């Protein structure tokens, strides 16, 4: 690699004692608040042996909770991916009235408590809510049923895909899409051949984060689910129910699955970010090595 592509590492001017102190504080914080609780979950999950662990996971109510959690994630993630792509495309590629408001509203689930979000859906679709009487007359059940869980989960998890895409698409600019348009590409061809290759790693990163949030959501789901055992209890809700019934080993066994999901999310996120950074470096290297008057491949 030529020398002009190498970025020199900045010199550290802080005293060694300061660097050691900062690293020690950071590692101690991570160990105390992340590693220790994580290890504790698995210690408690296997306290009575592997056989008891397997039996707790195979319990009918646990299986129902696992299945419902997966179903909710499968329904929520594609919906949020479609919304995220549409919102990111609109915000970064067009200028329109209300653009700033849309950008602000995307962050709303980060500012609103999940419990409050659940209460909003209860007020909208509950028996005494705005649409409750009409839904009851037509025998449509949303609150205390799977549709309510899906709606609440979509609400709390929809910013993740959009936010990942908006950052990348703003950084990449509009030049490539404009060049493709001048060459006669339609909207679908522009998205498939130009935009998607540039944002695929950001899209995958957003999907991973959205999936993790959908499977781990507790507050909003707790309000709208009604906690009907074997029917409307997701994994986080079932963990709390078992813990409140003093079934500690079964509770931690189910919690360990959520912990594994968290670890898998971190690993996949790290891989995706590494691949995205590698691609960005490759593109930058290609651009810097290209002659000034080189024609666009489009």
Protein backbone atom coordinates (compact mmCIF):
# COMPACT_ATOMS: atom_id res chain seq x y z
CA UNK A 1 0.00 0.00 0.00
CA UNK A 2 1.37 3.39 -0.96
CA UNK A 3 2.37 5.77 1.78
CA UNK A 4 -0.30 8.39 0.91
CA UNK A 5 -3.06 5.90 1.82
CA UNK A 6 -1.73 5.31 5.31
CA UNK A 7 -3.21 7.39 8.09
CA UNK A 8 -0.63 8.05 10.83
CA UNK A 9 -1.78 7.27 14.34
CA UNK A 10 -1.92 10.35 16.55
CA UNK A 11 0.65 10.51 19.29
CA UNK A 12 -0.60 10.02 22.84
CA UNK A 13 0.38 12.95 25.00
CA UNK A 14 -1.24 11.87 28.27
CA UNK A 15 1.05 10.51 30.99
CA UNK A 16 1.21 6.76 31.31
CA UNK A 17 -0.45 6.88 34.73
CA UNK A 18 -3.46 8.67 33.24
CA UNK A 19 -3.80 6.14 30.42
CA UNK A 20 -3.57 3.23 32.82
CA UNK A 21 -6.13 4.80 35.14
CA UNK A 22 -8.60 5.41 32.32
CA UNK A 23 -8.24 1.87 30.97
CA UNK A 24 -8.61 0.43 34.46
CA UNK A 25 -11.80 2.39 35.13
CA UNK A 26 -13.26 1.37 31.76
CA UNK A 27 -12.42 -2.32 32.20
CA UNK A 28 -13.65 -2.34 35.80
CA UNK A 29 -16.96 -0.77 34.75
CA UNK A 30 -17.44 -3.27 31.92
CA UNK A 31 -16.54 -6.17 34.18
CA UNK A 32 -18.81 -5.09 37.02
CA UNK A 33 -21.90 -4.12 35.04
CA UNK A 34 -21.67 -6.44 32.01
CA UNK A 35 -19.42 -9.46 32.51
CA UNK A 36 -20.39 -10.31 36.09
CA UNK A 37 -24.18 -10.21 35.49
CA UNK A 38 -23.72 -12.19 32.27
CA UNK A 39 -21.75 -14.91 34.02
CA UNK A 40 -24.22 -14.91 36.92
CA UNK A 41 -27.11 -15.65 34.52
CA UNK A 42 -25.47 -18.84 33.28
CA UNK A 43 -24.31 -19.91 36.73
CA UNK A 44 -27.90 -19.71 37.98
CA UNK A 45 -29.29 -21.29 34.82
CA UNK A 46 -27.12 -24.39 35.29
CA UNK A 47 -27.26 -24.45 39.09
CA UNK A 48 -29.32 -27.66 39.11
CA UNK A 49 -27.48 -29.27 36.24
CA UNK A 50 -27.81 -29.48 32.49
CA UNK A 51 -30.83 -31.78 32.67
CA UNK A 52 -32.83 -29.25 34.69
CA UNK A 53 -31.74 -26.55 32.26
CA UNK A 54 -33.02 -28.51 29.26
CA UNK A 55 -36.28 -29.33 31.03
CA UNK A 56 -36.84 -25.65 31.81
CA UNK A 57 -36.31 -24.70 28.17
CA UNK A 58 -38.58 -27.53 26.95
CA UNK A 59 -41.46 -26.58 29.26
CA UNK A 60 -44.63 -25.88 27.21
CA UNK A 61 -44.95 -22.29 28.41
CA UNK A 62 -41.28 -21.61 27.69
CA UNK A 63 -41.58 -23.08 24.19
CA UNK A 64 -44.69 -20.95 23.57
CA UNK A 65 -42.83 -17.83 24.74
CA UNK A 66 -39.84 -18.60 22.53
CA UNK A 67 -42.08 -19.24 19.53
CA UNK A 68 -44.09 -16.02 20.05
CA UNK A 69 -40.89 -13.99 20.43
CA UNK A 70 -39.59 -15.33 17.11
CA UNK A 71 -42.92 -14.71 15.37
CA UNK A 72 -43.03 -11.11 16.60
CA UNK A 73 -39.46 -10.51 15.43
CA UNK A 74 -40.18 -12.05 12.01
CA UNK A 75 -43.18 -9.75 11.58
CA UNK A 76 -41.55 -6.59 12.95
CA UNK A 77 -38.13 -6.65 11.32
CA UNK A 78 -39.28 -6.69 7.65
CA UNK A 79 -41.81 -3.92 8.37
CA UNK A 80 -39.12 -1.78 10.00
CA UNK A 81 -36.68 -2.54 7.18
CA UNK A 82 -39.16 -1.33 4.57
CA UNK A 83 -39.91 1.79 6.62
CA UNK A 84 -36.23 2.44 7.24
CA UNK A 85 -35.32 2.22 3.56
CA UNK A 86 -38.22 4.46 2.53
CA UNK A 87 -37.56 7.03 5.26
CA UNK A 88 -33.80 7.12 4.66
CA UNK A 89 -34.29 7.46 0.89
CA UNK A 90 -36.80 10.30 1.32
CA UNK A 91 -34.74 12.19 3.90
CA UNK A 92 -31.37 11.92 2.18
CA UNK A 93 -32.37 12.13 -1.48
CA UNK A 94 -35.24 14.65 -1.55
CA UNK A 95 -35.97 18.09 -0.16
CA UNK A 96 -39.57 18.51 1.01
CA UNK A 97 -41.62 20.36 3.56
CA UNK A 98 -41.68 18.52 6.88
CA UNK A 99 -38.35 16.79 6.31
CA UNK A 100 -36.92 18.00 9.62
CA UNK A 101 -40.11 16.97 11.44
CA UNK A 102 -39.90 13.46 9.95
CA UNK A 103 -36.27 13.17 11.04
CA UNK A 104 -37.23 14.21 14.56
CA UNK A 105 -40.20 11.84 14.77
CA UNK A 106 -38.02 8.88 13.83
CA UNK A 107 -36.22 9.36 17.15
CA UNK A 108 -39.48 9.50 19.13
CA UNK A 109 -39.30 5.88 20.43
CA UNK A 110 -35.92 6.71 21.96
CA UNK A 111 -37.49 9.52 23.97
CA UNK A 112 -40.78 7.87 24.97
CA UNK A 113 -40.82 5.24 27.71
CA UNK A 114 -41.83 1.82 26.34
CA UNK A 115 -44.48 1.59 29.07
CA UNK A 116 -45.98 4.86 27.86
CA UNK A 117 -45.91 3.51 24.30
CA UNK A 118 -47.84 0.45 25.45
CA UNK A 119 -50.41 2.64 27.21
CA UNK A 120 -50.87 4.64 24.00
CA UNK A 121 -51.86 1.48 22.13
CA UNK A 122 -54.19 0.47 24.95
CA UNK A 123 -55.91 3.87 24.71
CA UNK A 124 -56.22 3.48 20.96
CA UNK A 125 -57.27 -0.15 20.59
CA UNK A 126 -58.41 -1.20 24.08
CA UNK A 127 -62.02 -1.97 24.94
CA UNK A 128 -62.56 1.61 26.19
CA UNK A 129 -60.17 3.19 23.66
CA UNK A 130 -60.82 5.31 20.62
CA UNK A 131 -61.26 2.38 18.24
CA UNK A 132 -62.12 -0.21 20.89
CA UNK A 133 -65.93 -0.27 20.49
CA UNK A 134 -65.70 -0.64 16.71
CA UNK A 135 -63.09 -3.40 17.02
CA UNK A 136 -65.20 -5.19 19.62
CA UNK A 137 -68.31 -5.02 17.42
CA UNK A 138 -66.37 -6.59 14.54
CA UNK A 139 -64.72 -9.21 16.77
CA UNK A 140 -61.22 -7.87 16.10
CA UNK A 141 -58.83 -8.29 19.02
CA UNK A 142 -55.63 -6.26 19.14
CA UNK A 143 -54.91 -5.53 22.79
CA UNK A 144 -54.12 -8.61 24.88
CA UNK A 145 -53.42 -10.47 21.64
CA UNK A 146 -50.57 -10.97 19.19
CA UNK A 147 -51.44 -7.96 16.96
CA UNK A 148 -51.03 -5.59 19.90
CA UNK A 149 -47.65 -7.11 20.75
CA UNK A 150 -46.52 -6.72 17.14
CA UNK A 151 -47.67 -3.08 16.96
CA UNK A 152 -45.97 -2.16 20.23
CA UNK A 153 -42.74 -3.89 19.19
CA UNK A 154 -42.72 -2.17 15.80
CA UNK A 155 -43.09 1.18 17.55
CA UNK A 156 -40.16 0.72 19.92
CA UNK A 157 -37.82 -0.78 17.31
CA UNK A 158 -38.50 1.13 14.09
CA UNK A 159 -35.75 3.80 14.45
CA UNK A 160 -32.85 1.34 14.23
CA UNK A 161 -32.86 0.57 10.50
CA UNK A 162 -33.72 4.13 9.49
CA UNK A 163 -31.00 5.66 11.65
CA UNK A 164 -28.29 3.33 10.35
CA UNK A 165 -29.24 4.04 6.73
CA UNK A 166 -29.66 7.80 7.09
CA UNK A 167 -26.12 8.22 8.43
CA UNK A 168 -24.55 6.21 5.60
CA UNK A 169 -26.67 7.69 2.81
CA UNK A 170 -25.99 11.24 3.98
CA UNK A 171 -22.26 10.51 3.97
CA UNK A 172 -22.33 8.94 0.49
CA UNK A 173 -24.18 11.89 -1.09
CA UNK A 174 -26.40 11.94 -4.15
CA UNK A 175 -23.79 12.03 -6.90
CA UNK A 176 -23.92 8.36 -7.87
CA UNK A 177 -27.73 8.26 -8.03
CA UNK A 178 -27.77 11.45 -10.10
CA UNK A 179 -25.23 9.97 -12.50
CA UNK A 180 -27.29 6.79 -12.83
CA UNK A 181 -30.40 8.85 -13.49
CA UNK A 182 -28.64 10.79 -16.24
CA UNK A 183 -27.63 7.49 -17.82
CA UNK A 184 -31.29 6.44 -17.99
CA UNK A 185 -31.70 4.25 -14.92
CA UNK A 186 -35.15 4.12 -13.38
CA UNK A 187 -35.83 4.25 -9.65
CA UNK A 188 -35.67 0.48 -9.10
CA UNK A 189 -32.46 0.09 -11.13
CA UNK A 190 -30.92 3.01 -9.24
CA UNK A 191 -31.78 1.45 -5.89
CA UNK A 192 -30.70 -2.09 -6.80
CA UNK A 193 -27.44 -1.30 -8.59
CA UNK A 194 -26.25 1.89 -6.93
CA UNK A 195 -27.86 2.59 -3.56
CA UNK A 196 -28.21 -0.93 -2.16
CA UNK A 197 -24.56 -1.95 -2.70
CA UNK A 198 -23.48 1.21 -0.87
CA UNK A 199 -25.78 0.74 2.13
CA UNK A 200 -26.08 -3.05 2.41
CA UNK A 201 -23.82 -3.29 5.46
CA UNK A 202 -25.65 -0.43 7.20
CA UNK A 203 -28.96 -2.11 6.34
CA UNK A 204 -27.76 -5.41 7.77
CA UNK A 205 -26.50 -3.64 10.89
CA UNK A 206 -29.86 -1.97 11.40
CA UNK A 207 -31.70 -5.26 10.91
CA UNK A 208 -29.50 -6.94 13.52
CA UNK A 209 -30.13 -4.19 16.07
CA UNK A 210 -33.84 -4.13 15.28
CA UNK A 211 -34.08 -7.91 15.73
CA UNK A 212 -32.34 -7.78 19.09
CA UNK A 213 -34.62 -4.99 20.34
CA UNK A 214 -37.73 -6.78 19.08
CA UNK A 215 -36.84 -10.00 20.89
CA UNK A 216 -35.78 -8.26 24.10
CA UNK A 217 -38.60 -5.70 24.45
CA UNK A 218 -40.33 -5.84 27.82
CA UNK A 219 -42.05 -2.58 28.81
CA UNK A 220 -44.43 -1.98 25.91
CA UNK A 221 -45.18 -5.67 25.47
CA UNK A 222 -45.89 -6.04 29.17
CA UNK A 223 -48.67 -3.45 28.90
CA UNK A 224 -50.40 -4.69 25.73
CA UNK A 225 -49.97 -8.45 26.12
CA UNK A 226 -52.18 -9.12 29.12
CA UNK A 227 -49.65 -11.78 30.18
CA UNK A 228 -51.84 -14.69 29.13
CA UNK A 229 -49.55 -17.63 29.82
CA UNK A 230 -48.86 -19.78 26.81
CA UNK A 231 -50.56 -17.27 24.48
CA UNK A 232 -49.28 -13.69 24.85
CA UNK A 233 -46.12 -14.06 26.90
CA UNK A 234 -42.85 -13.38 25.11
CA UNK A 235 -39.53 -14.50 26.52
CA UNK A 236 -38.85 -11.38 28.66
CA UNK A 237 -42.39 -11.53 30.10
CA UNK A 238 -42.07 -15.25 30.82
CA UNK A 239 -38.75 -14.65 32.59
CA UNK A 240 -40.40 -12.17 34.95
CA UNK A 241 -43.39 -14.47 35.58
CA UNK A 242 -41.13 -17.38 36.49
CA UNK A 243 -38.96 -15.20 38.70
CA UNK A 244 -41.99 -13.84 40.58
CA UNK A 245 -43.13 -17.42 41.16
CA UNK A 246 -39.73 -18.24 42.69
CA UNK A 247 -38.88 -20.58 39.81
CA UNK A 248 -35.42 -19.06 39.72
CA UNK A 249 -33.62 -21.78 37.79
CA UNK A 250 -36.27 -21.86 35.05
CA UNK A 251 -36.28 -18.07 34.92
CA UNK A 252 -32.51 -17.85 34.49
CA UNK A 253 -32.55 -20.69 31.95
CA UNK A 254 -34.88 -18.71 29.72
CA UNK A 255 -32.94 -15.52 30.42
CA UNK A 256 -29.76 -17.25 29.25
CA UNK A 257 -31.29 -17.57 25.78
CA UNK A 258 -31.83 -13.83 25.69
CA UNK A 259 -28.24 -13.36 26.85
CA UNK A 260 -27.04 -15.56 23.98
CA UNK A 261 -29.10 -13.44 21.59
CA UNK A 262 -27.31 -10.37 22.96
CA UNK A 263 -23.90 -11.96 22.44
CA UNK A 264 -24.82 -13.07 18.93
CA UNK A 265 -25.99 -9.53 18.20
CA UNK A 266 -22.67 -8.06 19.36
CA UNK A 267 -20.66 -10.56 17.31
CA UNK A 268 -22.70 -10.02 14.14
CA UNK A 269 -22.62 -6.25 14.66
CA UNK A 270 -18.83 -6.31 14.98
CA UNK A 271 -18.50 -8.41 11.81
CA UNK A 272 -20.83 -6.15 9.86
CA UNK A 273 -19.06 -2.99 11.03
CA UNK A 274 -15.69 -4.52 10.11
CA UNK A 275 -16.90 -5.44 6.64
CA UNK A 276 -18.45 -2.01 6.19
CA UNK A 277 -15.25 -0.25 7.24
CA UNK A 278 -13.19 -2.52 4.97
CA UNK A 279 -15.42 -1.69 2.03
CA UNK A 280 -15.21 2.03 2.81
CA UNK A 281 -11.42 1.85 2.89
CA UNK A 282 -11.39 -0.04 -0.42
CA UNK A 283 -13.61 2.55 -2.07
CA UNK A 284 -11.45 5.39 -0.73
CA UNK A 285 -8.29 3.68 -1.96
CA UNK A 286 -9.79 3.15 -5.41
CA UNK A 287 -10.96 6.73 -5.61
CA UNK A 288 -7.56 8.13 -4.57
CA UNK A 289 -5.71 5.88 -7.00
CA UNK A 290 -7.93 6.74 -9.97
CA UNK A 291 -6.70 9.38 -12.45
CA UNK A 292 -8.27 12.81 -12.10
CA UNK A 293 -9.88 12.73 -15.53
CA UNK A 294 -11.10 9.13 -15.33
CA UNK A 295 -14.64 8.54 -16.52
CA UNK A 296 -17.33 7.26 -14.17
CA UNK A 297 -18.04 3.54 -14.49
CA UNK A 298 -21.69 4.53 -14.87
